[in-house]
Amino acid sequence: MTEREFQRAVVELARLMGWRVHHTRPALTQRGRWLTPIQGDAGFPDLVLCRPPRLVIAELKRVGGKPTAEQRGWLEALQACAALECYLWTPADWNAIVRTLTGGNNDAQA
């Protein structure tokens, strides 16, 4: 499963369960480079999911994928915030993802 396919499955599940979903997609420049226009620090996680009172932020990786140093920095900072849930998910976490997004226990944290 590619990271794109995995993300599509997570987004579909989240929407089915009533979550608001945000993902910032990169754009292909005229020079053939992928660029995500942001202001601030690079490496922000892939998905922001909101279904009050819960806010979930998740970085998605294919099986065997590793977060960059910038992504690890964001994950560490976000995980230190008590008011939100922050995860690093791979397809191997699918059952925990389902529990998290369907309102079950929150044991998918990485």
PDB file of N, CA and C in Angstrom:
ATOM      1  N   MET A   1       0.856  -1.176   0.000  1.00  0.00           N
ATOM      2  CA  MET A   1       0.000   0.000   0.000  1.00  0.00           C
ATOM      3  C   MET A   1       0.901   1.237   0.000  1.00  0.00           C
ATOM      4  N   THR A   2       0.631   2.147  -0.916  1.00  0.00           N
ATOM      5  CA  THR A   2       1.409   3.388  -0.956  1.00  0.00           C
ATOM      6  C   THR A   2       0.922   4.331   0.143  1.00  0.00           C
ATOM      7  N   GLU A   3       1.735   5.341   0.426  1.00  0.00           N
ATOM      8  CA  GLU A   3       1.327   6.328   1.426  1.00  0.00           C
ATOM      9  C   GLU A   3       0.071   7.061   0.967  1.00  0.00           C
ATOM     10  N   ARG A   4      -0.033   7.327  -0.326  1.00  0.00           N
ATOM     11  CA  ARG A   4      -1.214   8.012  -0.859  1.00  0.00           C
ATOM     12  C   ARG A   4      -2.472   7.160  -0.673  1.00  0.00           C
ATOM     13  N   GLU A   5      -2.371   5.856  -0.969  1.00  0.00           N
ATOM     14  CA  GLU A   5      -3.520   4.952  -0.791  1.00  0.00           C
ATOM     15  C   GLU A   5      -3.909   4.859   0.687  1.00  0.00           C
ATOM     16  N   PHE A   6      -2.900   4.779   1.538  1.00  0.00           N
ATOM     17  CA  PHE A   6      -3.139   4.719   2.975  1.00  0.00           C
ATOM     18  C   PHE A   6      -3.849   5.986   3.447  1.00  0.00           C
ATOM     19  N   GLN A   7      -3.355   7.130   3.015  1.00  0.00           N
ATOM     20  CA  GLN A   7      -3.981   8.396   3.398  1.00  0.00           C
ATOM     21  C   GLN A   7      -5.422   8.454   2.920  1.00  0.00           C
ATOM     22  N   ARG A   8      -5.665   8.021   1.709  1.00  0.00           N
ATOM     23  CA  ARG A   8      -7.031   8.024   1.167  1.00  0.00           C
ATOM     24  C   ARG A   8      -7.954   7.170   2.054  1.00  0.00           C
ATOM     25  N   ALA A   9      -7.471   6.019   2.509  1.00  0.00           N
ATOM     26  CA  ALA A   9      -8.276   5.143   3.356  1.00  0.00           C
ATOM     27  C   ALA A   9      -8.556   5.800   4.715  1.00  0.00           C
ATOM     28  N   VAL A  10      -7.543   6.437   5.313  1.00  0.00           N
ATOM     29  CA  VAL A  10      -7.734   7.102   6.604  1.00  0.00           C
ATOM     30  C   VAL A  10      -8.722   8.254   6.462  1.00  0.00           C
ATOM     31  N   VAL A  11      -8.567   9.065   5.417  1.00  0.00           N
ATOM     32  CA  VAL A  11      -9.472  10.196   5.189  1.00  0.00           C
ATOM     33  C   VAL A  11     -10.900   9.697   4.962  1.00  0.00           C
ATOM     34  N   GLU A  12     -11.059   8.640   4.180  1.00  0.00           N
ATOM     35  CA  GLU A  12     -12.397   8.094   3.926  1.00  0.00           C
ATOM     36  C   GLU A  12     -13.043   7.625   5.231  1.00  0.00           C
ATOM     37  N   LEU A  13     -12.291   6.912   6.056  1.00  0.00           N
ATOM     38  CA  LEU A  13     -12.819   6.458   7.347  1.00  0.00           C
ATOM     39  C   LEU A  13     -13.183   7.651   8.215  1.00  0.00           C
ATOM     40  N   ALA A  14     -12.300   8.634   8.299  1.00  0.00           N
ATOM     41  CA  ALA A  14     -12.561   9.807   9.137  1.00  0.00           C
ATOM     42  C   ALA A  14     -13.840  10.513   8.704  1.00  0.00           C
ATOM     43  N   ARG A  15     -13.992  10.726   7.424  1.00  0.00           N
ATOM     44  CA  ARG A  15     -15.212  11.409   6.931  1.00  0.00           C
ATOM     45  C   ARG A  15     -16.458  10.579   7.217  1.00  0.00           C
ATOM     46  N   LEU A  16     -16.345   9.274   7.029  1.00  0.00           N
ATOM     47  CA  LEU A  16     -17.469   8.376   7.302  1.00  0.00           C
ATOM     48  C   LEU A  16     -17.891   8.472   8.770  1.00  0.00           C
ATOM     49  N   MET A  17     -16.919   8.708   9.654  1.00  0.00           N
ATOM     50  CA  MET A  17     -17.199   8.787  11.082  1.00  0.00           C
ATOM     51  C   MET A  17     -17.498  10.212  11.547  1.00  0.00           C
ATOM     52  N   GLY A  18     -17.621  11.160  10.612  1.00  0.00           N
ATOM     53  CA  GLY A  18     -18.039  12.513  10.961  1.00  0.00           C
ATOM     54  C   GLY A  18     -16.933  13.476  11.346  1.00  0.00           C
ATOM     55  N   TRP A  19     -15.687  13.154  11.034  1.00  0.00           N
ATOM     56  CA  TRP A  19     -14.568  14.046  11.330  1.00  0.00           C
ATOM     57  C   TRP A  19     -14.421  15.084  10.237  1.00  0.00           C
ATOM     58  N   ARG A  20     -14.027  16.300  10.606  1.00  0.00           N
ATOM     59  CA  ARG A  20     -13.589  17.314   9.633  1.00  0.00           C
ATOM     60  C   ARG A  20     -12.134  16.999   9.346  1.00  0.00           C
ATOM     61  N   VAL A  21     -11.739  17.091   8.086  1.00  0.00           N
ATOM     62  CA  VAL A  21     -10.402  16.660   7.656  1.00  0.00           C
ATOM     63  C   VAL A  21      -9.673  17.802   6.968  1.00  0.00           C
ATOM     64  N   HIS A  22      -8.406  17.990   7.341  1.00  0.00           N
ATOM     65  CA  HIS A  22      -7.549  18.942   6.633  1.00  0.00           C
ATOM     66  C   HIS A  22      -6.249  18.254   6.248  1.00  0.00           C
ATOM     67  N   HIS A  23      -5.861  18.459   4.994  1.00  0.00           N
ATOM     68  CA  HIS A  23      -4.562  18.012   4.483  1.00  0.00           C
ATOM     69  C   HIS A  23      -4.079  19.072   3.502  1.00  0.00           C
ATOM     70  N   THR A  24      -2.837  19.497   3.657  1.00  0.00           N
ATOM     71  CA  THR A  24      -2.264  20.458   2.723  1.00  0.00           C
ATOM     72  C   THR A  24      -1.488  19.680   1.674  1.00  0.00           C
ATOM     73  N   ARG A  25      -1.947  19.755   0.436  1.00  0.00           N
ATOM     74  CA  ARG A  25      -1.300  19.011  -0.643  1.00  0.00           C
ATOM     75  C   ARG A  25      -0.161  19.810  -1.246  1.00  0.00           C
ATOM     76  N   PRO A  26       0.929  19.130  -1.581  1.00  0.00           N
ATOM     77  CA  PRO A  26       2.003  19.821  -2.304  1.00  0.00           C
ATOM     78  C   PRO A  26       1.581  20.061  -3.752  1.00  0.00           C
ATOM     79  N   ALA A  27       2.221  21.031  -4.374  1.00  0.00           N
ATOM     80  CA  ALA A  27       1.946  21.354  -5.775  1.00  0.00           C
ATOM     81  C   ALA A  27       3.227  21.165  -6.576  1.00  0.00           C
ATOM     82  N   LEU A  28       3.077  20.754  -7.817  1.00  0.00           N
ATOM     83  CA  LEU A  28       4.213  20.586  -8.719  1.00  0.00           C
ATOM     84  C   LEU A  28       4.512  21.936  -9.362  1.00  0.00           C
ATOM     85  N   THR A  29       5.748  22.419  -9.181  1.00  0.00           N
ATOM     86  CA  THR A  29       6.127  23.710  -9.743  1.00  0.00           C
ATOM     87  C   THR A  29       6.444  23.566 -11.227  1.00  0.00           C
ATOM     88  N   GLN A  30       6.602  24.682 -11.915  1.00  0.00           N
ATOM     89  CA  GLN A  30       6.952  24.655 -13.328  1.00  0.00           C
ATOM     90  C   GLN A  30       8.313  24.019 -13.559  1.00  0.00           C
ATOM     91  N   ARG A  31       9.149  24.039 -12.548  1.00  0.00           N
ATOM     92  CA  ARG A  31      10.489  23.439 -12.649  1.00  0.00           C
ATOM     93  C   ARG A  31      10.492  21.958 -12.290  1.00  0.00           C
ATOM     94  N   GLY A  32       9.320  21.388 -12.044  1.00  0.00           N
ATOM     95  CA  GLY A  32       9.221  19.962 -11.752  1.00  0.00           C
ATOM     96  C   GLY A  32       9.518  19.580 -10.314  1.00  0.00           C
ATOM     97  N   ARG A  33       9.498  20.543  -9.402  1.00  0.00           N
ATOM     98  CA  ARG A  33       9.717  20.271  -7.984  1.00  0.00           C
ATOM     99  C   ARG A  33       8.382  20.269  -7.257  1.00  0.00           C
ATOM    100  N   TRP A  34       8.284  19.403  -6.236  1.00  0.00           N
ATOM    101  CA  TRP A  34       7.103  19.412  -5.384  1.00  0.00           C
ATOM    102  C   TRP A  34       7.327  20.415  -4.271  1.00  0.00           C
ATOM    103  N   LEU A  35       6.338  21.250  -4.029  1.00  0.00           N
ATOM    104  CA  LEU A  35       6.451  22.302  -3.041  1.00  0.00           C
ATOM    105  C   LEU A  35       5.131  22.444  -2.295  1.00  0.00           C
ATOM    106  N   THR A  36       5.216  22.479  -0.971  1.00  0.00           N
ATOM    107  CA  THR A  36       4.032  22.747  -0.162  1.00  0.00           C
ATOM    108  C   THR A  36       4.179  24.161   0.372  1.00  0.00           C
ATOM    109  N   PRO A  37       3.347  25.075  -0.131  1.00  0.00           N
ATOM    110  CA  PRO A  37       3.483  26.471   0.304  1.00  0.00           C
ATOM    111  C   PRO A  37       3.024  26.626   1.747  1.00  0.00           C
ATOM    112  N   ILE A  38       3.975  26.926   2.615  1.00  0.00           N
ATOM    113  CA  ILE A  38       3.666  27.124   4.027  1.00  0.00           C
ATOM    114  C   ILE A  38       4.407  28.349   4.531  1.00  0.00           C
ATOM    115  N   GLN A  39       3.961  28.837   5.638  1.00  0.00           N
ATOM    116  CA  GLN A  39       4.711  29.838   6.382  1.00  0.00           C
ATOM    117  C   GLN A  39       4.949  29.229   7.744  1.00  0.00           C
ATOM    118  N   GLY A  40       6.196  29.097   8.121  1.00  0.00           N
ATOM    119  CA  GLY A  40       6.511  28.477   9.400  1.00  0.00           C
ATOM    120  C   GLY A  40       7.468  27.316   9.217  1.00  0.00           C
ATOM    121  N   ASP A  41       7.465  26.424  10.176  1.00  0.00           N
ATOM    122  CA  ASP A  41       8.411  25.314  10.187  1.00  0.00           C
ATOM    123  C   ASP A  41       7.940  24.165   9.310  1.00  0.00           C
ATOM    124  N   ALA A  42       8.869  23.600   8.551  1.00  0.00           N
ATOM    125  CA  ALA A  42       8.578  22.455   7.684  1.00  0.00           C
ATOM    126  C   ALA A  42       8.314  21.212   8.527  1.00  0.00           C
ATOM    127  N   GLY A  43       7.658  20.230   7.924  1.00  0.00           N
ATOM    128  CA  GLY A  43       7.475  18.933   8.551  1.00  0.00           C
ATOM    129  C   GLY A  43       6.166  18.741   9.287  1.00  0.00           C
ATOM    130  N   PHE A  44       5.212  19.685   9.145  1.00  0.00           N
ATOM    131  CA  PHE A  44       3.943  19.542   9.848  1.00  0.00           C
ATOM    132  C   PHE A  44       3.258  18.252   9.416  1.00  0.00           C
ATOM    133  N   PRO A  45       2.610  17.532  10.342  1.00  0.00           N
ATOM    134  CA  PRO A  45       1.970  16.257  10.012  1.00  0.00           C
ATOM    135  C   PRO A  45       0.945  16.347   8.881  1.00  0.00           C
ATOM    136  N   ASP A  46       0.651  15.177   8.300  1.00  0.00           N
ATOM    137  CA  ASP A  46      -0.194  15.068   7.112  1.00  0.00           C
ATOM    138  C   ASP A  46      -1.647  15.458   7.328  1.00  0.00           C
ATOM    139  N   LEU A  47      -2.233  15.030   8.430  1.00  0.00           N
ATOM    140  CA  LEU A  47      -3.676  15.215   8.627  1.00  0.00           C
ATOM    141  C   LEU A  47      -3.999  15.912   9.936  1.00  0.00           C
ATOM    142  N   VAL A  48      -4.986  16.790   9.865  1.00  0.00           N
ATOM    143  CA  VAL A  48      -5.611  17.366  11.057  1.00  0.00           C
ATOM    144  C   VAL A  48      -7.070  16.927  10.988  1.00  0.00           C
ATOM    145  N   LEU A  49      -7.517  16.224  12.029  1.00  0.00           N
ATOM    146  CA  LEU A  49      -8.869  15.677  12.079  1.00  0.00           C
ATOM    147  C   LEU A  49      -9.572  16.248  13.306  1.00  0.00           C
ATOM    148  N   CYS A  50     -10.775  16.759  13.101  1.00  0.00           N
ATOM    149  CA  CYS A  50     -11.495  17.397  14.199  1.00  0.00           C
ATOM    150  C   CYS A  50     -12.918  16.861  14.268  1.00  0.00           C
ATOM    151  N   ARG A  51     -13.272  16.366  15.435  1.00  0.00           N
ATOM    152  CA  ARG A  51     -14.653  15.998  15.757  1.00  0.00           C
ATOM    153  C   ARG A  51     -14.816  16.320  17.235  1.00  0.00           C
ATOM    154  N   PRO A  52     -15.304  17.549  17.527  1.00  0.00           N
ATOM    155  CA  PRO A  52     -15.358  18.014  18.908  1.00  0.00           C
ATOM    156  C   PRO A  52     -15.948  16.964  19.838  1.00  0.00           C
ATOM    157  N   PRO A  53     -15.323  16.795  20.982  1.00  0.00           N
ATOM    158  CA  PRO A  53     -14.283  17.636  21.571  1.00  0.00           C
ATOM    159  C   PRO A  53     -12.860  17.192  21.221  1.00  0.00           C
ATOM    160  N   ARG A  54     -12.699  16.308  20.258  1.00  0.00           N
ATOM    161  CA  ARG A  54     -11.379  15.743  19.973  1.00  0.00           C
ATOM    162  C   ARG A  54     -10.713  16.414  18.783  1.00  0.00           C
ATOM    163  N   LEU A  55      -9.397  16.543  18.875  1.00  0.00           N
ATOM    164  CA  LEU A  55      -8.556  17.022  17.785  1.00  0.00           C
ATOM    165  C   LEU A  55      -7.419  16.021  17.632  1.00  0.00           C
ATOM    166  N   VAL A  56      -7.312  15.438  16.433  1.00  0.00           N
ATOM    167  CA  VAL A  56      -6.288  14.434  16.145  1.00  0.00           C
ATOM    168  C   VAL A  56      -5.383  14.979  15.051  1.00  0.00           C
ATOM    169  N   ILE A  57      -4.078  14.854  15.262  1.00  0.00           N
ATOM    170  CA  ILE A  57      -3.091  15.222  14.250  1.00  0.00           C
ATOM    171  C   ILE A  57      -2.280  13.973  13.977  1.00  0.00           C
ATOM    172  N   ALA A  58      -2.136  13.613  12.690  1.00  0.00           N
ATOM    173  CA  ALA A  58      -1.480  12.354  12.353  1.00  0.00           C
ATOM    174  C   ALA A  58      -0.493  12.522  11.204  1.00  0.00           C
ATOM    175  N   GLU A  59       0.664  11.942  11.377  1.00  0.00           N
ATOM    176  CA  GLU A  59       1.654  11.798  10.309  1.00  0.00           C
ATOM    177  C   GLU A  59       1.499  10.381   9.788  1.00  0.00           C
ATOM    178  N   LEU A  60       1.375  10.235   8.480  1.00  0.00           N
ATOM    179  CA  LEU A  60       1.174   8.928   7.874  1.00  0.00           C
ATOM    180  C   LEU A  60       2.427   8.500   7.129  1.00  0.00           C
ATOM    181  N   LYS A  61       2.784   7.236   7.273  1.00  0.00           N
ATOM    182  CA  LYS A  61       3.929   6.673   6.572  1.00  0.00           C
ATOM    183  C   LYS A  61       3.554   5.300   6.038  1.00  0.00           C
ATOM    184  N   ARG A  62       4.116   4.970   4.881  1.00  0.00           N
ATOM    185  CA  ARG A  62       3.929   3.619   4.354  1.00  0.00           C
ATOM    186  C   ARG A  62       4.689   2.665   5.267  1.00  0.00           C
ATOM    187  N   VAL A  63       4.451   1.372   5.118  1.00  0.00           N
ATOM    188  CA  VAL A  63       5.176   0.389   5.905  1.00  0.00           C
ATOM    189  C   VAL A  63       6.666   0.573   5.658  1.00  0.00           C
ATOM    190  N   GLY A  64       7.419   0.697   6.728  1.00  0.00           N
ATOM    191  CA  GLY A  64       8.862   0.890   6.625  1.00  0.00           C
ATOM    192  C   GLY A  64       9.276   2.349   6.479  1.00  0.00           C
ATOM    193  N   GLY A  65       8.307   3.256   6.283  1.00  0.00           N
ATOM    194  CA  GLY A  65       8.618   4.671   6.134  1.00  0.00           C
ATOM    195  C   GLY A  65       9.016   5.282   7.464  1.00  0.00           C
ATOM    196  N   LYS A  66       9.905   6.232   7.407  1.00  0.00           N
ATOM    197  CA  LYS A  66      10.394   6.908   8.607  1.00  0.00           C
ATOM    198  C   LYS A  66      10.142   8.405   8.498  1.00  0.00           C
ATOM    199  N   PRO A  67       9.769   9.048   9.607  1.00  0.00           N
ATOM    200  CA  PRO A  67       9.593  10.503   9.566  1.00  0.00           C
ATOM    201  C   PRO A  67      10.944  11.209   9.442  1.00  0.00           C
ATOM    202  N   THR A  68      10.923  12.372   8.799  1.00  0.00           N
ATOM    203  CA  THR A  68      12.126  13.191   8.696  1.00  0.00           C
ATOM    204  C   THR A  68      12.421  13.824  10.050  1.00  0.00           C
ATOM    205  N   ALA A  69      13.580  14.438  10.177  1.00  0.00           N
ATOM    206  CA  ALA A  69      13.921  15.132  11.419  1.00  0.00           C
ATOM    207  C   ALA A  69      12.901  16.233  11.709  1.00  0.00           C
ATOM    208  N   GLU A  70      12.485  16.957  10.668  1.00  0.00           N
ATOM    209  CA  GLU A  70      11.492  18.017  10.851  1.00  0.00           C
ATOM    210  C   GLU A  70      10.159  17.448  11.311  1.00  0.00           C
ATOM    211  N   GLN A  71       9.744  16.325  10.721  1.00  0.00           N
ATOM    212  CA  GLN A  71       8.493  15.691  11.121  1.00  0.00           C
ATOM    213  C   GLN A  71       8.572  15.179  12.560  1.00  0.00           C
ATOM    214  N   ARG A  72       9.697  14.581  12.937  1.00  0.00           N
ATOM    215  CA  ARG A  72       9.871  14.116  14.315  1.00  0.00           C
ATOM    216  C   ARG A  72       9.791  15.295  15.292  1.00  0.00           C
ATOM    217  N   GLY A  73      10.371  16.435  14.902  1.00  0.00           N
ATOM    218  CA  GLY A  73      10.295  17.624  15.754  1.00  0.00           C
ATOM    219  C   GLY A  73       8.867  18.052  16.001  1.00  0.00           C
ATOM    220  N   TRP A  74       8.059  18.098  14.936  1.00  0.00           N
ATOM    221  CA  TRP A  74       6.648  18.469  15.096  1.00  0.00           C
ATOM    222  C   TRP A  74       5.916  17.449  15.967  1.00  0.00           C
ATOM    223  N   LEU A  75       6.142  16.154  15.688  1.00  0.00           N
ATOM    224  CA  LEU A  75       5.448  15.120  16.464  1.00  0.00           C
ATOM    225  C   LEU A  75       5.794  15.219  17.946  1.00  0.00           C
ATOM    226  N   GLU A  76       7.063  15.435  18.257  1.00  0.00           N
ATOM    227  CA  GLU A  76       7.469  15.559  19.661  1.00  0.00           C
ATOM    228  C   GLU A  76       6.812  16.776  20.313  1.00  0.00           C
ATOM    229  N   ALA A  77       6.802  17.900  19.614  1.00  0.00           N
ATOM    230  CA  ALA A  77       6.193  19.114  20.171  1.00  0.00           C
ATOM    231  C   ALA A  77       4.694  18.927  20.363  1.00  0.00           C
ATOM    232  N   LEU A  78       4.022  18.348  19.380  1.00  0.00           N
ATOM    233  CA  LEU A  78       2.576  18.172  19.469  1.00  0.00           C
ATOM    234  C   LEU A  78       2.189  17.147  20.539  1.00  0.00           C
ATOM    235  N   GLN A  79       2.987  16.078  20.653  1.00  0.00           N
ATOM    236  CA  GLN A  79       2.689  15.064  21.664  1.00  0.00           C
ATOM    237  C   GLN A  79       2.846  15.619  23.074  1.00  0.00           C
ATOM    238  N   ALA A  80       3.609  16.683  23.232  1.00  0.00           N
ATOM    239  CA  ALA A  80       3.782  17.314  24.539  1.00  0.00           C
ATOM    240  C   ALA A  80       2.594  18.200  24.913  1.00  0.00           C
ATOM    241  N   CYS A  81       1.674  18.416  23.983  1.00  0.00           N
ATOM    242  CA  CYS A  81       0.480  19.231  24.232  1.00  0.00           C
ATOM    243  C   CYS A  81      -0.625  18.320  24.749  1.00  0.00           C
ATOM    244  N   ALA A  82      -1.099  18.575  25.945  1.00  0.00           N
ATOM    245  CA  ALA A  82      -2.085  17.707  26.574  1.00  0.00           C
ATOM    246  C   ALA A  82      -3.465  17.784  25.941  1.00  0.00           C
ATOM    247  N   ALA A  83      -3.758  18.861  25.212  1.00  0.00           N
ATOM    248  CA  ALA A  83      -5.117  19.087  24.728  1.00  0.00           C
ATOM    249  C   ALA A  83      -5.416  18.430  23.380  1.00  0.00           C
ATOM    250  N   LEU A  84      -4.464  17.697  22.816  1.00  0.00           N
ATOM    251  CA  LEU A  84      -4.743  17.063  21.532  1.00  0.00           C
ATOM    252  C   LEU A  84      -4.098  15.695  21.454  1.00  0.00           C
ATOM    253  N   GLU A  85      -4.535  14.933  20.480  1.00  0.00           N
ATOM    254  CA  GLU A  85      -3.984  13.606  20.233  1.00  0.00           C
ATOM    255  C   GLU A  85      -3.094  13.697  19.005  1.00  0.00           C
ATOM    256  N   CYS A  86      -1.903  13.142  19.085  1.00  0.00           N
ATOM    257  CA  CYS A  86      -0.954  13.211  17.985  1.00  0.00           C
ATOM    258  C   CYS A  86      -0.396  11.820  17.733  1.00  0.00           C
ATOM    259  N   TYR A  87      -0.432  11.359  16.479  1.00  0.00           N
ATOM    260  CA  TYR A  87      -0.055   9.995  16.143  1.00  0.00           C
ATOM    261  C   TYR A  87       0.906   9.941  14.955  1.00  0.00           C
ATOM    262  N   LEU A  88       1.677   8.868  14.908  1.00  0.00           N
ATOM    263  CA  LEU A  88       2.431   8.466  13.722  1.00  0.00           C
ATOM    264  C   LEU A  88       1.841   7.117  13.346  1.00  0.00           C
ATOM    265  N   TRP A  89       1.139   7.065  12.212  1.00  0.00           N
ATOM    266  CA  TRP A  89       0.426   5.862  11.812  1.00  0.00           C
ATOM    267  C   TRP A  89       1.024   5.259  10.553  1.00  0.00           C
ATOM    268  N   THR A  90       1.018   3.930  10.488  1.00  0.00           N
ATOM    269  CA  THR A  90       1.333   3.179   9.272  1.00  0.00           C
ATOM    270  C   THR A  90       0.161   2.236   9.021  1.00  0.00           C
ATOM    271  N   PRO A  91       0.108   1.602   7.859  1.00  0.00           N
ATOM    272  CA  PRO A  91      -0.987   0.658   7.615  1.00  0.00           C
ATOM    273  C   PRO A  91      -1.083  -0.445   8.678  1.00  0.00           C
ATOM    274  N   ALA A  92       0.018  -0.791   9.307  1.00  0.00           N
ATOM    275  CA  ALA A  92      -0.002  -1.815  10.358  1.00  0.00           C
ATOM    276  C   ALA A  92      -0.827  -1.374  11.566  1.00  0.00           C
ATOM    277  N   ASP A  93      -1.088  -0.076  11.696  1.00  0.00           N
ATOM    278  CA  ASP A  93      -1.876   0.468  12.802  1.00  0.00           C
ATOM    279  C   ASP A  93      -3.371   0.534  12.498  1.00  0.00           C
ATOM    280  N   TRP A  94      -3.822  -0.069  11.409  1.00  0.00           N
ATOM    281  CA  TRP A  94      -5.194   0.120  10.943  1.00  0.00           C
ATOM    282  C   TRP A  94      -6.236  -0.148  12.033  1.00  0.00           C
ATOM    283  N   ASN A  95      -6.116  -1.238  12.795  1.00  0.00           N
ATOM    284  CA  ASN A  95      -7.118  -1.529  13.825  1.00  0.00           C
ATOM    285  C   ASN A  95      -7.148  -0.430  14.889  1.00  0.00           C
ATOM    286  N   ALA A  96      -5.993   0.064  15.278  1.00  0.00           N
ATOM    287  CA  ALA A  96      -5.935   1.155  16.254  1.00  0.00           C
ATOM    288  C   ALA A  96      -6.497   2.446  15.662  1.00  0.00           C
ATOM    289  N   ILE A  97      -6.266   2.683  14.368  1.00  0.00           N
ATOM    290  CA  ILE A  97      -6.817   3.861  13.691  1.00  0.00           C
ATOM    291  C   ILE A  97      -8.345   3.799  13.730  1.00  0.00           C
ATOM    292  N   VAL A  98      -8.881   2.635  13.405  1.00  0.00           N
ATOM    293  CA  VAL A  98     -10.340   2.464  13.428  1.00  0.00           C
ATOM    294  C   VAL A  98     -10.875   2.729  14.828  1.00  0.00           C
ATOM    295  N   ARG A  99     -10.224   2.182  15.861  1.00  0.00           N
ATOM    296  CA  ARG A  99     -10.677   2.428  17.239  1.00  0.00           C
ATOM    297  C   ARG A  99     -10.614   3.918  17.567  1.00  0.00           C
ATOM    298  N   THR A 100      -9.552   4.581  17.146  1.00  0.00           N
ATOM    299  CA  THR A 100      -9.394   6.009  17.440  1.00  0.00           C
ATOM    300  C   THR A 100     -10.473   6.832  16.759  1.00  0.00           C
ATOM    301  N   LEU A 101     -10.721   6.572  15.487  1.00  0.00           N
ATOM    302  CA  LEU A 101     -11.650   7.401  14.725  1.00  0.00           C
ATOM    303  C   LEU A 101     -13.116   7.035  14.921  1.00  0.00           C
ATOM    304  N   THR A 102     -13.379   5.869  15.477  1.00  0.00           N
ATOM    305  CA  THR A 102     -14.773   5.495  15.745  1.00  0.00           C
ATOM    306  C   THR A 102     -15.155   5.770  17.182  1.00  0.00           C
ATOM    307  N   GLY A 103     -14.247   6.382  17.949  1.00  0.00           N
ATOM    308  CA  GLY A 103     -14.570   6.782  19.302  1.00  0.00           C
ATOM    309  C   GLY A 103     -14.142   5.808  20.360  1.00  0.00           C
ATOM    310  N   GLY A 104     -13.433   4.729  19.960  1.00  0.00           N
ATOM    311  CA  GLY A 104     -12.926   3.778  20.950  1.00  0.00           C
ATOM    312  C   GLY A 104     -11.762   4.371  21.700  1.00  0.00           C
ATOM    313  N   ASN A 105     -11.015   3.505  22.361  1.00  0.00           N
ATOM    314  CA  ASN A 105      -9.892   4.024  23.165  1.00  0.00           C
ATOM    315  C   ASN A 105      -8.796   4.576  22.275  1.00  0.00           C
ATOM    316  N   ASN A 106      -7.933   5.374  22.842  1.00  0.00           N
ATOM    317  CA  ASN A 106      -6.905   6.095  22.113  1.00  0.00           C
ATOM    318  C   ASN A 106      -5.556   5.426  22.303  1.00  0.00           C
ATOM    319  N   ASP A 107      -5.412   4.179  21.842  1.00  0.00           N
ATOM    320  CA  ASP A 107      -4.156   3.463  22.054  1.00  0.00           C
ATOM    321  C   ASP A 107      -3.288   3.415  20.821  1.00  0.00           C
ATOM    322  N   ALA A 108      -3.550   4.276  19.839  1.00  0.00           N
ATOM    323  CA  ALA A 108      -2.765   4.274  18.600  1.00  0.00           C
ATOM    324  C   ALA A 108      -1.612   5.255  18.644  1.00  0.00           C
ATOM    325  N   GLN A 109      -1.376   5.876  19.789  1.00  0.00           N
ATOM    326  CA  GLN A 109      -0.290   6.878  19.855  1.00  0.00           C
ATOM    327  C   GLN A 109       1.045   6.219  19.676  1.00  0.00           C
ATOM    328  N   ALA A 110       1.904   6.936  18.923  1.00  0.00           N
ATOM    329  CA  ALA A 110       3.260   6.440  18.715  1.00  0.00           C
ATOM    330  C   ALA A 110       4.218   7.196  19.607  1.00  0.00           C
TER     331      ALA A 110
END
